[in-house]
């Protein structure tokens, strides 16, 4: 299994994220994971949260990066990976009662983040949305390491940047989601949880 795509960050943050998701998704039946990357979260969380049907997705250009691990570590409740571009309509699957994404908002263009929330506006009341990653608050970095990371993102792509919490929360509110929790996480990250009212 050593040749499978691997992310050390995903390995490092898996258990802290899982501790929050156990409670956040306790009453959910299915989770749509957007931008599942290497599949490390999908395979681990599907195994640890057996009451959920876990649907991993990835941008069409990166689906081949996600598929190997999901195929190598099958779980009864882990669905086959799907291609999903948040900007395209319709999405390949309906939005279930749980949605999760990690380390995606600072990678995708802001227009894609807007498109993501536009699609989530069709979710049913009670849908839980959990987003993990770095965020700025009141236009300020929460750490020197995040400031350096943002510089690295800007050099990598003009479309990438650490997002302002207030701007993302405004998109969520516009889609009918109310902030339920803001969890501090290791390495100056956050796990934000909203519920659709």
C-alpha atoms as a PDB file:
ATOM      1  CA  UNK A   1       0.000   0.000   0.000  1.00  0.00           C
ATOM      2  CA  UNK A   2       3.064   2.254   0.099  1.00  0.00           C
ATOM      3  CA  UNK A   3       2.441   3.497  -3.440  1.00  0.00           C
ATOM      4  CA  UNK A   4      -0.956   5.006  -2.588  1.00  0.00           C
ATOM      5  CA  UNK A   5      -1.297   8.807  -2.668  1.00  0.00           C
ATOM      6  CA  UNK A   6      -0.539  10.093   0.813  1.00  0.00           C
ATOM      7  CA  UNK A   7      -0.857  13.343   2.746  1.00  0.00           C
ATOM      8  CA  UNK A   8       0.966  13.753   6.052  1.00  0.00           C
ATOM      9  CA  UNK A   9      -1.382  16.620   6.973  1.00  0.00           C
ATOM     10  CA  UNK A  10      -4.396  14.342   6.522  1.00  0.00           C
ATOM     11  CA  UNK A  11      -2.763  11.780   8.774  1.00  0.00           C
ATOM     12  CA  UNK A  12      -1.960  14.417  11.411  1.00  0.00           C
ATOM     13  CA  UNK A  13      -5.417  15.993  11.557  1.00  0.00           C
ATOM     14  CA  UNK A  14      -7.510  12.822  11.186  1.00  0.00           C
ATOM     15  CA  UNK A  15      -8.119  12.062  14.855  1.00  0.00           C
ATOM     16  CA  UNK A  16      -8.866  15.671  15.959  1.00  0.00           C
ATOM     17  CA  UNK A  17     -11.352  16.042  13.087  1.00  0.00           C
ATOM     18  CA  UNK A  18     -12.933  12.668  13.829  1.00  0.00           C
ATOM     19  CA  UNK A  19     -13.462  13.634  17.469  1.00  0.00           C
ATOM     20  CA  UNK A  20     -15.604  16.578  16.330  1.00  0.00           C
ATOM     21  CA  UNK A  21     -17.415  14.730  13.531  1.00  0.00           C
ATOM     22  CA  UNK A  22     -18.562  11.922  15.852  1.00  0.00           C
ATOM     23  CA  UNK A  23     -20.769  14.479  17.580  1.00  0.00           C
ATOM     24  CA  UNK A  24     -21.504  16.715  14.595  1.00  0.00           C
ATOM     25  CA  UNK A  25     -22.785  13.861  12.411  1.00  0.00           C
ATOM     26  CA  UNK A  26     -24.308  11.771  15.214  1.00  0.00           C
ATOM     27  CA  UNK A  27     -27.852  12.247  13.905  1.00  0.00           C
ATOM     28  CA  UNK A  28     -26.969  12.160  10.190  1.00  0.00           C
ATOM     29  CA  UNK A  29     -27.437   9.226   7.828  1.00  0.00           C
ATOM     30  CA  UNK A  30     -25.052  10.156   4.997  1.00  0.00           C
ATOM     31  CA  UNK A  31     -22.134  12.480   4.344  1.00  0.00           C
ATOM     32  CA  UNK A  32     -20.992  14.034   1.081  1.00  0.00           C
ATOM     33  CA  UNK A  33     -17.257  14.733   1.258  1.00  0.00           C
ATOM     34  CA  UNK A  34     -16.161  17.428  -1.179  1.00  0.00           C
ATOM     35  CA  UNK A  35     -12.528  17.443  -2.253  1.00  0.00           C
ATOM     36  CA  UNK A  36     -11.604  14.119  -0.652  1.00  0.00           C
ATOM     37  CA  UNK A  37      -7.994  14.309  -1.846  1.00  0.00           C
ATOM     38  CA  UNK A  38      -6.030  11.140  -1.114  1.00  0.00           C
ATOM     39  CA  UNK A  39      -9.041   9.412   0.446  1.00  0.00           C
ATOM     40  CA  UNK A  40      -7.357   9.104   3.851  1.00  0.00           C
ATOM     41  CA  UNK A  41     -10.238  10.877   5.591  1.00  0.00           C
ATOM     42  CA  UNK A  42     -12.902   9.015   3.614  1.00  0.00           C
ATOM     43  CA  UNK A  43     -11.574   5.566   4.411  1.00  0.00           C
ATOM     44  CA  UNK A  44     -10.869   6.355   8.068  1.00  0.00           C
ATOM     45  CA  UNK A  45     -14.113   8.187   8.776  1.00  0.00           C
ATOM     46  CA  UNK A  46     -16.343   5.663   7.000  1.00  0.00           C
ATOM     47  CA  UNK A  47     -14.792   2.950   9.157  1.00  0.00           C
ATOM     48  CA  UNK A  48     -15.066   4.953  12.381  1.00  0.00           C
ATOM     49  CA  UNK A  49     -18.607   6.233  11.704  1.00  0.00           C
ATOM     50  CA  UNK A  50     -20.373   3.079  10.478  1.00  0.00           C
ATOM     51  CA  UNK A  51     -23.897   4.543  10.717  1.00  0.00           C
ATOM     52  CA  UNK A  52     -23.063   6.993   7.917  1.00  0.00           C
ATOM     53  CA  UNK A  53     -23.054   6.342   4.189  1.00  0.00           C
ATOM     54  CA  UNK A  54     -19.871   8.186   3.178  1.00  0.00           C
ATOM     55  CA  UNK A  55     -19.674   9.574  -0.365  1.00  0.00           C
ATOM     56  CA  UNK A  56     -16.204  10.850  -1.317  1.00  0.00           C
ATOM     57  CA  UNK A  57     -15.913  13.201  -4.285  1.00  0.00           C
ATOM     58  CA  UNK A  58     -13.111  15.060  -5.997  1.00  0.00           C
ATOM     59  CA  UNK A  59     -12.713  17.516  -8.855  1.00  0.00           C
ATOM     60  CA  UNK A  60     -12.702  15.602 -12.167  1.00  0.00           C
ATOM     61  CA  UNK A  61      -9.042  16.510 -12.751  1.00  0.00           C
ATOM     62  CA  UNK A  62      -8.047  14.900  -9.427  1.00  0.00           C
ATOM     63  CA  UNK A  63     -10.416  11.926  -9.239  1.00  0.00           C
ATOM     64  CA  UNK A  64      -7.649   9.511 -10.236  1.00  0.00           C
ATOM     65  CA  UNK A  65      -5.737  10.657  -7.128  1.00  0.00           C
ATOM     66  CA  UNK A  66      -8.678   9.720  -4.861  1.00  0.00           C
ATOM     67  CA  UNK A  67      -9.718   6.383  -6.325  1.00  0.00           C
ATOM     68  CA  UNK A  68      -6.787   4.079  -5.419  1.00  0.00           C
ATOM     69  CA  UNK A  69      -7.091   4.308  -1.629  1.00  0.00           C
ATOM     70  CA  UNK A  70     -10.891   4.060  -1.682  1.00  0.00           C
ATOM     71  CA  UNK A  71     -10.626   0.899  -3.776  1.00  0.00           C
ATOM     72  CA  UNK A  72      -7.825  -0.527  -1.597  1.00  0.00           C
ATOM     73  CA  UNK A  73      -9.661   0.020   1.695  1.00  0.00           C
ATOM     74  CA  UNK A  74     -13.307  -0.831   1.008  1.00  0.00           C
ATOM     75  CA  UNK A  75     -15.867  -0.378   3.779  1.00  0.00           C
ATOM     76  CA  UNK A  76     -19.525  -1.413   3.571  1.00  0.00           C
ATOM     77  CA  UNK A  77     -20.656   2.199   3.989  1.00  0.00           C
ATOM     78  CA  UNK A  78     -18.023   3.813   1.716  1.00  0.00           C
ATOM     79  CA  UNK A  79     -19.474   4.717  -1.668  1.00  0.00           C
ATOM     80  CA  UNK A  80     -17.424   4.638  -4.866  1.00  0.00           C
ATOM     81  CA  UNK A  81     -15.649   7.969  -5.473  1.00  0.00           C
ATOM     82  CA  UNK A  82     -17.412  10.401  -7.785  1.00  0.00           C
ATOM     83  CA  UNK A  83     -16.249  13.363  -9.855  1.00  0.00           C
ATOM     84  CA  UNK A  84     -17.780  16.604  -8.582  1.00  0.00           C
ATOM     85  CA  UNK A  85     -17.008  20.124  -9.754  1.00  0.00           C
ATOM     86  CA  UNK A  86     -18.793  22.475  -7.339  1.00  0.00           C
ATOM     87  CA  UNK A  87     -19.272  24.993 -10.154  1.00  0.00           C
ATOM     88  CA  UNK A  88     -21.177  22.607 -12.426  1.00  0.00           C
ATOM     89  CA  UNK A  89     -24.884  21.813 -12.211  1.00  0.00           C
ATOM     90  CA  UNK A  90     -26.446  19.490 -11.458  1.00  0.00           C
ATOM     91  CA  UNK A  91     -24.211  17.777  -8.918  1.00  0.00           C
ATOM     92  CA  UNK A  92     -23.879  14.009  -9.516  1.00  0.00           C
ATOM     93  CA  UNK A  93     -25.607  13.205  -6.207  1.00  0.00           C
ATOM     94  CA  UNK A  94     -28.217  14.979  -4.077  1.00  0.00           C
ATOM     95  CA  UNK A  95     -26.972  16.842  -1.008  1.00  0.00           C
ATOM     96  CA  UNK A  96     -27.485  14.475   1.968  1.00  0.00           C
ATOM     97  CA  UNK A  97     -27.982  15.464   5.622  1.00  0.00           C
ATOM     98  CA  UNK A  98     -24.231  15.787   6.187  1.00  0.00           C
ATOM     99  CA  UNK A  99     -21.545  17.620   4.176  1.00  0.00           C
ATOM    100  CA  UNK A 100     -17.810  17.662   4.968  1.00  0.00           C
ATOM    101  CA  UNK A 101     -14.828  19.275   3.316  1.00  0.00           C
ATOM    102  CA  UNK A 102     -11.255  19.726   4.542  1.00  0.00           C
ATOM    103  CA  UNK A 103      -8.535  22.051   3.284  1.00  0.00           C
ATOM    104  CA  UNK A 104     -10.412  23.038   0.146  1.00  0.00           C
ATOM    105  CA  UNK A 105     -11.692  26.608   0.555  1.00  0.00           C
ATOM    106  CA  UNK A 106      -8.204  28.127   0.542  1.00  0.00           C
ATOM    107  CA  UNK A 107      -7.297  26.137  -2.599  1.00  0.00           C
ATOM    108  CA  UNK A 108     -10.348  26.741  -4.792  1.00  0.00           C
ATOM    109  CA  UNK A 109     -11.114  30.144  -6.339  1.00  0.00           C
ATOM    110  CA  UNK A 110     -13.495  32.322  -4.347  1.00  0.00           C
ATOM    111  CA  UNK A 111     -16.046  31.957  -7.159  1.00  0.00           C
ATOM    112  CA  UNK A 112     -16.013  28.205  -6.544  1.00  0.00           C
ATOM    113  CA  UNK A 113     -16.642  28.768  -2.839  1.00  0.00           C
ATOM    114  CA  UNK A 114     -19.635  30.905  -3.786  1.00  0.00           C
ATOM    115  CA  UNK A 115     -20.837  28.151  -6.130  1.00  0.00           C
ATOM    116  CA  UNK A 116     -20.452  25.595  -3.358  1.00  0.00           C
ATOM    117  CA  UNK A 117     -22.803  27.481  -1.063  1.00  0.00           C
ATOM    118  CA  UNK A 118     -25.238  28.213  -3.877  1.00  0.00           C
ATOM    119  CA  UNK A 119     -25.593  24.459  -4.377  1.00  0.00           C
ATOM    120  CA  UNK A 120     -25.912  23.837  -0.642  1.00  0.00           C
ATOM    121  CA  UNK A 121     -28.874  26.231  -0.526  1.00  0.00           C
ATOM    122  CA  UNK A 122     -30.922  23.302  -1.851  1.00  0.00           C
ATOM    123  CA  UNK A 123     -30.108  21.165   1.194  1.00  0.00           C
ATOM    124  CA  UNK A 124     -32.901  20.069   3.509  1.00  0.00           C
ATOM    125  CA  UNK A 125     -33.464  21.729   6.895  1.00  0.00           C
ATOM    126  CA  UNK A 126     -31.249  20.166   9.527  1.00  0.00           C
ATOM    127  CA  UNK A 127     -28.381  19.444   7.132  1.00  0.00           C
ATOM    128  CA  UNK A 128     -25.031  19.650   8.934  1.00  0.00           C
ATOM    129  CA  UNK A 129     -22.077  21.303   7.160  1.00  0.00           C
ATOM    130  CA  UNK A 130     -18.561  20.856   8.571  1.00  0.00           C
ATOM    131  CA  UNK A 131     -15.587  22.691   7.048  1.00  0.00           C
ATOM    132  CA  UNK A 132     -11.997  22.216   8.221  1.00  0.00           C
ATOM    133  CA  UNK A 133      -9.047  24.446   7.427  1.00  0.00           C
ATOM    134  CA  UNK A 134      -7.302  27.736   8.216  1.00  0.00           C
ATOM    135  CA  UNK A 135      -9.367  30.922   8.496  1.00  0.00           C
ATOM    136  CA  UNK A 136      -8.680  34.591   9.144  1.00  0.00           C
ATOM    137  CA  UNK A 137     -10.783  36.523  11.635  1.00  0.00           C
ATOM    138  CA  UNK A 138     -11.531  40.227  11.279  1.00  0.00           C
ATOM    139  CA  UNK A 139      -9.111  40.278   8.356  1.00  0.00           C
ATOM    140  CA  UNK A 140      -6.209  39.063  10.484  1.00  0.00           C
ATOM    141  CA  UNK A 141      -4.124  35.908  10.522  1.00  0.00           C
ATOM    142  CA  UNK A 142      -4.431  33.760  13.614  1.00  0.00           C
ATOM    143  CA  UNK A 143      -0.708  32.883  13.593  1.00  0.00           C
ATOM    144  CA  UNK A 144       2.586  33.686  11.908  1.00  0.00           C
ATOM    145  CA  UNK A 145       2.562  30.233  10.325  1.00  0.00           C
ATOM    146  CA  UNK A 146      -0.790  30.967   8.685  1.00  0.00           C
ATOM    147  CA  UNK A 147       0.570  34.247   7.331  1.00  0.00           C
ATOM    148  CA  UNK A 148       3.506  32.352   5.805  1.00  0.00           C
ATOM    149  CA  UNK A 149       1.146  29.694   4.440  1.00  0.00           C
ATOM    150  CA  UNK A 150      -0.978  32.382   2.793  1.00  0.00           C
ATOM    151  CA  UNK A 151       2.126  33.787   1.082  1.00  0.00           C
ATOM    152  CA  UNK A 152       2.913  30.291  -0.175  1.00  0.00           C
ATOM    153  CA  UNK A 153      -0.648  29.942  -1.483  1.00  0.00           C
ATOM    154  CA  UNK A 154      -0.425  33.277  -3.322  1.00  0.00           C
ATOM    155  CA  UNK A 155       2.840  32.227  -4.971  1.00  0.00           C
ATOM    156  CA  UNK A 156       1.272  28.892  -5.953  1.00  0.00           C
ATOM    157  CA  UNK A 157      -1.918  30.346  -7.453  1.00  0.00           C
ATOM    158  CA  UNK A 158      -3.491  33.804  -7.644  1.00  0.00           C
ATOM    159  CA  UNK A 159      -6.848  32.154  -6.903  1.00  0.00           C
ATOM    160  CA  UNK A 160      -5.787  30.611  -3.583  1.00  0.00           C
ATOM    161  CA  UNK A 161      -5.861  32.318  -0.190  1.00  0.00           C
ATOM    162  CA  UNK A 162      -6.841  31.748   3.417  1.00  0.00           C
ATOM    163  CA  UNK A 163     -10.469  32.844   3.566  1.00  0.00           C
ATOM    164  CA  UNK A 164     -12.008  35.276   6.030  1.00  0.00           C
ATOM    165  CA  UNK A 165     -14.358  33.540   8.428  1.00  0.00           C
ATOM    166  CA  UNK A 166     -16.839  36.403   8.212  1.00  0.00           C
ATOM    167  CA  UNK A 167     -17.077  36.156   4.418  1.00  0.00           C
ATOM    168  CA  UNK A 168     -17.605  32.392   4.498  1.00  0.00           C
ATOM    169  CA  UNK A 169     -20.161  32.687   7.293  1.00  0.00           C
ATOM    170  CA  UNK A 170     -22.041  35.270   5.211  1.00  0.00           C
ATOM    171  CA  UNK A 171     -22.197  32.797   2.301  1.00  0.00           C
ATOM    172  CA  UNK A 172     -23.429  30.121   4.683  1.00  0.00           C
ATOM    173  CA  UNK A 173     -26.112  32.418   6.063  1.00  0.00           C
ATOM    174  CA  UNK A 174     -27.200  33.267   2.540  1.00  0.00           C
ATOM    175  CA  UNK A 175     -27.660  29.542   1.892  1.00  0.00           C
ATOM    176  CA  UNK A 176     -29.767  29.171   5.028  1.00  0.00           C
ATOM    177  CA  UNK A 177     -27.090  27.819   7.368  1.00  0.00           C
ATOM    178  CA  UNK A 178     -26.587  29.054  10.946  1.00  0.00           C
ATOM    179  CA  UNK A 179     -23.231  28.677  12.680  1.00  0.00           C
ATOM    180  CA  UNK A 180     -23.475  26.010  15.380  1.00  0.00           C
ATOM    181  CA  UNK A 181     -19.823  25.704  16.488  1.00  0.00           C
ATOM    182  CA  UNK A 182     -16.319  26.969  15.793  1.00  0.00           C
ATOM    183  CA  UNK A 183     -13.726  24.476  17.027  1.00  0.00           C
ATOM    184  CA  UNK A 184     -10.062  25.360  17.473  1.00  0.00           C
ATOM    185  CA  UNK A 185      -7.919  22.614  15.952  1.00  0.00           C
ATOM    186  CA  UNK A 186      -4.204  21.756  15.900  1.00  0.00           C
ATOM    187  CA  UNK A 187      -1.791  23.621  13.628  1.00  0.00           C
ATOM    188  CA  UNK A 188      -3.864  26.848  13.770  1.00  0.00           C
ATOM    189  CA  UNK A 189      -6.800  25.371  11.890  1.00  0.00           C
ATOM    190  CA  UNK A 190     -10.527  25.506  12.661  1.00  0.00           C
ATOM    191  CA  UNK A 191     -13.455  23.168  12.205  1.00  0.00           C
ATOM    192  CA  UNK A 192     -16.592  25.203  11.523  1.00  0.00           C
ATOM    193  CA  UNK A 193     -20.011  23.611  11.812  1.00  0.00           C
ATOM    194  CA  UNK A 194     -23.249  25.019  10.456  1.00  0.00           C
ATOM    195  CA  UNK A 195     -26.797  23.632  10.483  1.00  0.00           C
ATOM    196  CA  UNK A 196     -29.371  24.530   7.857  1.00  0.00           C
ATOM    197  CA  UNK A 197     -32.396  26.139   9.465  1.00  0.00           C
END
